[in-house]
Protein backbone atom coordinates (compact mmCIF):
# COMPACT_ATOMS: atom_id res chain seq x y z
CA UNK A 1 -8.93 6.78 -36.00
CA UNK A 2 -13.00 6.71 -35.37
CA UNK A 3 -13.20 3.02 -35.77
CA UNK A 4 -10.59 2.17 -33.23
CA UNK A 5 -11.36 0.70 -30.00
CA UNK A 6 -10.26 2.51 -26.97
CA UNK A 7 -10.10 -0.47 -24.49
CA UNK A 8 -7.75 -1.98 -27.16
CA UNK A 9 -5.56 1.25 -26.67
CA UNK A 10 -5.73 0.81 -22.93
CA UNK A 11 -4.74 -3.12 -22.90
CA UNK A 12 -1.57 -2.21 -25.55
CA UNK A 13 -0.43 0.74 -22.98
CA UNK A 14 -0.78 -1.63 -20.15
CA UNK A 15 1.33 -4.04 -21.79
CA UNK A 16 3.75 -1.04 -22.55
CA UNK A 17 3.69 -0.02 -18.96
CA UNK A 18 4.66 -3.85 -17.79
CA UNK A 19 7.04 -4.49 -20.32
CA UNK A 20 8.89 -1.35 -20.92
CA UNK A 21 8.23 0.85 -17.84
CA UNK A 22 8.42 -2.21 -15.72
CA UNK A 23 5.75 -1.40 -13.43
CA UNK A 24 4.89 -3.48 -10.88
CA UNK A 25 1.66 -5.69 -10.63
CA UNK A 26 -0.10 -3.10 -8.23
CA UNK A 27 0.51 -0.45 -10.15
CA UNK A 28 -0.83 -2.38 -13.56
CA UNK A 29 -3.86 -3.25 -11.42
CA UNK A 30 -4.61 0.22 -10.27
CA UNK A 31 -4.39 1.60 -13.84
CA UNK A 32 -6.67 -1.02 -15.02
CA UNK A 33 -9.31 -0.10 -12.00
CA UNK A 34 -9.16 3.30 -13.14
CA UNK A 35 -9.68 2.45 -17.04
CA UNK A 36 -12.56 0.20 -16.10
CA UNK A 37 -14.10 2.85 -14.42
CA UNK A 38 -13.75 5.41 -17.04
CA UNK A 39 -14.88 3.28 -19.87
CA UNK A 40 -17.99 2.00 -17.66
CA UNK A 41 -18.86 5.72 -16.59
CA UNK A 42 -18.23 7.62 -19.87
CA UNK A 43 -19.52 4.72 -22.10
CA UNK A 44 -16.93 5.62 -24.51
CA UNK A 45 -16.01 2.94 -26.99
CA UNK A 46 -13.80 4.50 -29.55
CA UNK A 47 -10.53 6.44 -29.60
CA UNK A 48 -12.07 9.16 -31.79
CA UNK A 49 -14.83 10.01 -29.11
CA UNK A 50 -12.29 11.26 -26.77
CA UNK A 51 -12.21 15.19 -26.45
CA UNK A 52 -11.79 17.89 -23.87
CA UNK A 53 -15.58 18.26 -22.91
CA UNK A 54 -16.14 14.84 -21.98
CA UNK A 55 -12.87 14.36 -19.96
CA UNK A 56 -13.67 17.32 -18.23
CA UNK A 57 -17.07 16.72 -17.40
CA UNK A 58 -16.17 12.96 -16.24
CA UNK A 59 -13.51 14.56 -13.62
CA UNK A 60 -15.86 17.33 -12.62
CA UNK A 61 -18.87 14.79 -12.11
CA UNK A 62 -16.23 12.69 -9.93
CA UNK A 63 -15.48 15.37 -7.52
CA UNK A 64 -18.98 17.09 -7.30
CA UNK A 65 -21.34 14.11 -7.49
CA UNK A 66 -19.41 11.07 -6.15
CA UNK A 67 -17.48 13.23 -3.86
CA UNK A 68 -13.62 12.12 -5.03
CA UNK A 69 -11.17 13.57 -2.61
CA UNK A 70 -8.60 15.45 -4.23
CA UNK A 71 -6.05 12.69 -3.62
CA UNK A 72 -8.44 10.50 -5.79
CA UNK A 73 -9.27 12.98 -8.27
CA UNK A 74 -5.39 13.24 -9.01
CA UNK A 75 -5.06 9.54 -8.98
CA UNK A 76 -7.44 8.90 -11.75
CA UNK A 77 -5.93 12.25 -13.34
CA UNK A 78 -2.58 10.66 -13.53
CA UNK A 79 -3.43 7.81 -15.23
CA UNK A 80 -5.65 9.29 -17.84
CA UNK A 81 -2.88 11.96 -18.40
CA UNK A 82 -0.28 9.41 -19.00
CA UNK A 83 -2.28 7.04 -21.37
CA UNK A 84 -3.05 10.23 -23.44
CA UNK A 85 0.53 11.33 -23.45
CA UNK A 86 1.49 7.68 -24.73
CA UNK A 87 -1.28 8.02 -27.43
CA UNK A 88 0.43 11.32 -28.60
CA UNK A 89 3.92 9.44 -28.52
CA UNK A 90 2.48 6.73 -30.64
CA UNK A 91 0.85 8.74 -33.38
CA UNK A 92 -2.92 7.93 -32.44
CA UNK A 93 -3.74 11.28 -31.03
CA UNK A 94 -2.73 15.30 -31.77
CA UNK A 95 -3.56 16.79 -28.46
CA UNK A 96 -3.90 15.81 -24.79
CA UNK A 97 -7.04 16.87 -23.86
CA UNK A 98 -6.07 16.95 -20.30
CA UNK A 99 -3.31 19.44 -20.63
CA UNK A 100 -5.74 22.46 -19.77
CA UNK A 101 -8.00 20.58 -16.93
CA UNK A 102 -6.97 21.95 -13.57
CA UNK A 103 -6.24 19.79 -10.66
CA UNK A 104 -7.82 20.44 -7.04
CA UNK A 105 -5.31 21.38 -4.72
CA UNK A 106 -4.46 18.55 -2.12
CA UNK A 107 -5.64 18.82 1.16
CA UNK A 108 -3.22 18.69 4.13
CA UNK A 109 -3.97 15.57 5.79
CA UNK A 110 -1.71 13.45 8.12
CA UNK A 111 -1.56 9.91 7.93
CA UNK A 112 -3.96 7.86 10.22
CA UNK A 113 -2.00 6.06 13.04
CA UNK A 114 -2.63 4.35 16.01
CA UNK A 115 -0.78 5.01 19.42
CA UNK A 116 1.31 2.87 21.42
CA UNK A 117 -1.58 1.30 23.46
CA UNK A 118 -3.80 1.10 20.30
CA UNK A 119 -1.00 -0.73 18.38
CA UNK A 120 -0.28 -3.14 21.25
CA UNK A 121 -4.20 -3.79 21.25
CA UNK A 122 -4.44 -4.73 17.90
CA UNK A 123 -1.55 -7.00 18.16
CA UNK A 124 -3.10 -8.69 21.28
CA UNK A 125 -6.66 -9.16 19.47
CA UNK A 126 -4.64 -10.84 16.70
CA UNK A 127 -3.60 -13.66 18.71
CA UNK A 128 -6.36 -14.15 21.35
CA UNK A 129 -9.11 -13.82 19.12
CA UNK A 130 -11.14 -17.08 18.91
CA UNK A 131 -9.80 -19.32 15.79
CA UNK A 132 -11.00 -22.47 14.54
CA UNK A 133 -7.20 -23.81 14.37
CA UNK A 134 -4.53 -22.81 16.45
CA UNK A 135 -2.14 -22.22 13.63
CA UNK A 136 -4.30 -19.25 12.74
CA UNK A 137 -3.48 -17.22 15.91
CA UNK A 138 0.36 -17.64 15.33
CA UNK A 139 0.21 -16.62 11.85
CA UNK A 140 -2.19 -13.58 12.40
CA UNK A 141 -0.07 -12.32 15.17
CA UNK A 142 2.86 -12.45 12.86
CA UNK A 143 1.42 -10.76 9.93
CA UNK A 144 0.41 -7.97 12.14
CA UNK A 145 3.69 -7.83 13.66
CA UNK A 146 5.16 -7.77 10.26
CA UNK A 147 3.39 -4.37 9.74
CA UNK A 148 3.98 -3.08 13.22
CA UNK A 149 7.27 -4.11 13.87
CA UNK A 150 8.71 -3.73 9.92
CA UNK A 151 6.47 -1.45 8.22
CA UNK A 152 5.96 -3.64 5.28
CA UNK A 153 2.94 -2.80 2.96
CA UNK A 154 0.21 -5.20 2.74
CA UNK A 155 1.29 -6.71 -0.96
CA UNK A 156 4.75 -7.03 0.26
CA UNK A 157 3.88 -9.13 3.45
CA UNK A 158 1.61 -11.42 0.97
CA UNK A 159 4.61 -11.90 -1.48
CA UNK A 160 7.16 -12.64 1.68
CA UNK A 161 8.85 -16.03 0.59
CA UNK A 162 10.27 -18.35 3.43
CA UNK A 163 13.99 -17.89 2.21
CA UNK A 164 13.58 -14.14 2.55
CA UNK A 165 13.27 -14.19 6.35
CA UNK A 166 16.63 -14.81 8.11
CA UNK A 167 16.10 -15.20 11.95
CA UNK A 168 20.13 -15.92 12.00
CA UNK A 169 20.78 -12.61 10.36
CA UNK A 170 17.46 -10.89 11.78
CA UNK A 171 16.53 -9.72 8.31
CA UNK A 172 13.45 -9.55 5.91
CA UNK A 173 14.68 -9.25 2.53
CA UNK A 174 11.71 -7.43 0.73
CA UNK A 175 12.08 -8.61 -3.01
CA UNK A 176 10.87 -5.89 -5.42
CA UNK A 177 8.91 -3.74 -3.11
CA UNK A 178 7.21 -0.26 -4.29
CA UNK A 179 9.23 1.06 -7.42
CA UNK A 180 10.72 -2.22 -8.21
CA UNK A 181 13.29 -1.67 -5.27
CA UNK A 182 14.71 -4.30 -3.04
CA UNK A 183 15.21 -3.58 0.91
CA UNK A 184 16.67 -5.12 4.04
CA UNK A 185 14.34 -4.60 7.06
CA UNK A 186 15.89 -5.47 10.48
CA UNK A 187 14.00 -7.62 12.70
CA UNK A 188 13.87 -6.41 16.33
CA UNK A 189 13.52 -8.84 19.34
CA UNK A 190 9.93 -8.81 19.74
CA UNK A 191 9.16 -9.72 16.11
CA UNK A 192 12.01 -12.34 16.25
CA UNK A 193 10.27 -14.39 19.18
CA UNK A 194 6.90 -14.06 17.21
CA UNK A 195 8.43 -15.36 14.00
CA UNK A 196 10.04 -18.31 15.91
CA UNK A 197 6.84 -19.20 17.37
CA UNK A 198 4.89 -18.91 14.23
CA UNK A 199 7.79 -20.93 12.36
CA UNK A 200 6.98 -23.90 14.57
CA UNK A 201 3.22 -24.14 13.71
CA UNK A 202 4.04 -23.26 10.13
CA UNK A 203 6.43 -26.11 9.76
CA UNK A 204 4.01 -28.44 11.41
CA UNK A 205 1.27 -27.24 8.89
CA UNK A 206 3.21 -27.09 5.76
CA UNK A 207 7.04 -26.97 5.71
CA UNK A 208 7.63 -26.99 1.90
CA UNK A 209 5.79 -24.15 1.03
CA UNK A 210 7.50 -21.41 -0.70
CA UNK A 211 5.52 -18.67 0.95
CA UNK A 212 6.55 -17.26 4.48
CA UNK A 213 2.63 -16.89 5.58
CA UNK A 214 0.39 -19.91 4.75
CA UNK A 215 -2.97 -19.94 3.90
CA UNK A 216 -4.94 -23.08 5.49
CA UNK A 217 -6.10 -25.82 2.91
CA UNK A 218 -4.68 -23.92 0.02
CA UNK A 219 -1.30 -24.26 -1.92
CA UNK A 220 -0.81 -20.17 -2.21
CA UNK A 221 0.19 -18.16 0.51
CA UNK A 222 -1.93 -15.93 2.93
CA UNK A 223 -3.52 -13.40 0.12
CA UNK A 224 -5.13 -10.07 0.18
CA UNK A 225 -8.21 -11.30 0.63
CA UNK A 226 -7.11 -13.07 3.90
CA UNK A 227 -5.60 -9.77 5.23
CA UNK A 228 -8.74 -7.72 4.67
CA UNK A 229 -10.69 -10.35 6.32
CA UNK A 230 -8.12 -10.37 9.23
CA UNK A 231 -8.55 -6.41 9.32
CA UNK A 232 -12.08 -6.62 9.62
CA UNK A 233 -12.27 -9.02 12.41
CA UNK A 234 -9.81 -6.93 14.24
CA UNK A 235 -11.32 -3.83 13.98
CA UNK A 236 -14.74 -5.38 15.06
CA UNK A 237 -13.08 -6.57 18.20
CA UNK A 238 -10.75 -3.29 19.12
CA UNK A 239 -13.46 -1.06 17.84
CA UNK A 240 -10.56 0.78 16.28
CA UNK A 241 -10.84 2.23 12.72
CA UNK A 242 -7.52 1.02 10.77
CA UNK A 243 -6.39 -0.63 7.68
CA UNK A 244 -3.09 -2.69 6.88
CA UNK A 245 -1.56 0.70 6.00
CA UNK A 246 -2.59 2.36 8.97
CA UNK A 247 -0.22 -0.20 10.63
CA UNK A 248 2.53 0.99 8.32
CA UNK A 249 1.94 4.58 9.36
CA UNK A 250 1.93 3.41 13.02
CA UNK A 251 5.20 1.63 12.47
CA UNK A 252 6.74 5.04 11.25
CA UNK A 253 5.50 7.24 14.11
CA UNK A 254 6.52 4.90 16.77
CA UNK A 255 9.85 4.45 15.36
CA UNK A 256 10.32 8.14 15.57
CA UNK A 257 8.75 8.17 19.24
CA UNK A 258 11.41 5.71 20.00
CA UNK A 259 14.20 7.77 18.79
CA UNK A 260 14.80 6.66 15.19
CA UNK A 261 16.33 9.32 13.09
CA UNK A 262 14.26 10.15 9.79
CA UNK A 263 17.04 8.79 7.62
CA UNK A 264 17.26 5.43 8.53
CA UNK A 265 13.49 5.07 8.94
CA UNK A 266 13.25 6.25 5.27
CA UNK A 267 15.35 3.59 4.29
CA UNK A 268 13.72 1.24 6.46
CA UNK A 269 10.42 1.92 4.82
CA UNK A 270 11.96 2.16 1.15
CA UNK A 271 10.75 5.66 0.21
CA UNK A 272 12.40 7.01 -2.62
CA UNK A 273 12.62 10.51 -1.15
CA UNK A 274 13.24 11.25 2.51
CA UNK A 275 10.70 14.07 2.22
CA UNK A 276 8.01 11.51 2.17
CA UNK A 277 9.13 10.22 5.61
CA UNK A 278 9.15 13.77 6.90
CA UNK A 279 5.32 13.67 7.00
CA UNK A 280 5.57 11.26 10.05
CA UNK A 281 7.49 13.90 12.04
CA UNK A 282 4.07 15.80 12.18
CA UNK A 283 2.08 12.44 13.24
CA UNK A 284 4.43 11.73 16.26
CA UNK A 285 2.76 13.35 19.30
CA UNK A 286 5.34 11.89 21.34
CA UNK A 287 8.35 13.37 19.58
CA UNK A 288 6.63 16.75 19.81
CA UNK A 289 6.05 16.53 23.37
CA UNK A 290 9.83 15.62 23.79
CA UNK A 291 10.71 18.63 21.71
CA UNK A 292 8.67 21.07 23.40
CA UNK A 293 10.05 20.35 26.66
CA UNK A 294 13.34 21.51 25.06
CA UNK A 295 12.16 25.32 25.21
CA UNK A 296 14.90 27.25 26.78
CA UNK A 297 12.24 29.05 29.13
CA UNK A 298 10.61 25.81 30.26
């Protein structure tokens, strides 16, 4: 066992996750990032070098010296822990060295969201900013609107295909979203208008691409780097601190403030458990304001 390379087992485990457990590409990527970080910082090369003290020290250093949040700690813990369990199942390891390592309690933090006015500001900035080509402002506004009016995750936006958008039925078909689940997201009137204007520009640029969001001068669609660059540009313009996922959070709170029920919102967002969606009830200031006015002595 001392002569077996740990990296080889990592790669075999990731193949197992992809083929047998049917993990999505994003999950596989996150696992690989964790493993590469672990190998680089611990400098462990052989499976036989694994032990509890070394693993515990790595996690403690991450928490104390690198200032990992409890979420980051538990994120890495989960990845390494499931790998060790797989090694035991494969007969390559006898003991799970993480079984007695405690995890920090999660901080009770609410998702960061944008208000109605801030969301409108971001949407307006995506269209009225200076661009080299007019196509970009229509595409970028449609990208931001997809997150603000549809609640799609960044990688779901990137993977959208042209045939998954139906203006006739007013639906977005999210193919194999998080958890390898398909879902249907309704298109409201505002998003429908934005899509119509974008499609006129899109079809002028490249009507044959399978991707809904195009990248100028490339055969591929508008990718993660393009969205990250767009987010940075809009942060600089609006002076607001947000990310692509903040727009998804904002969609949820704005839907609740508009009167959407929690069950419907859960289905639209693709949550496996409705308890995941209920956290947005705490973020919705408008909803709380409406509720507090219902006090019988008010």
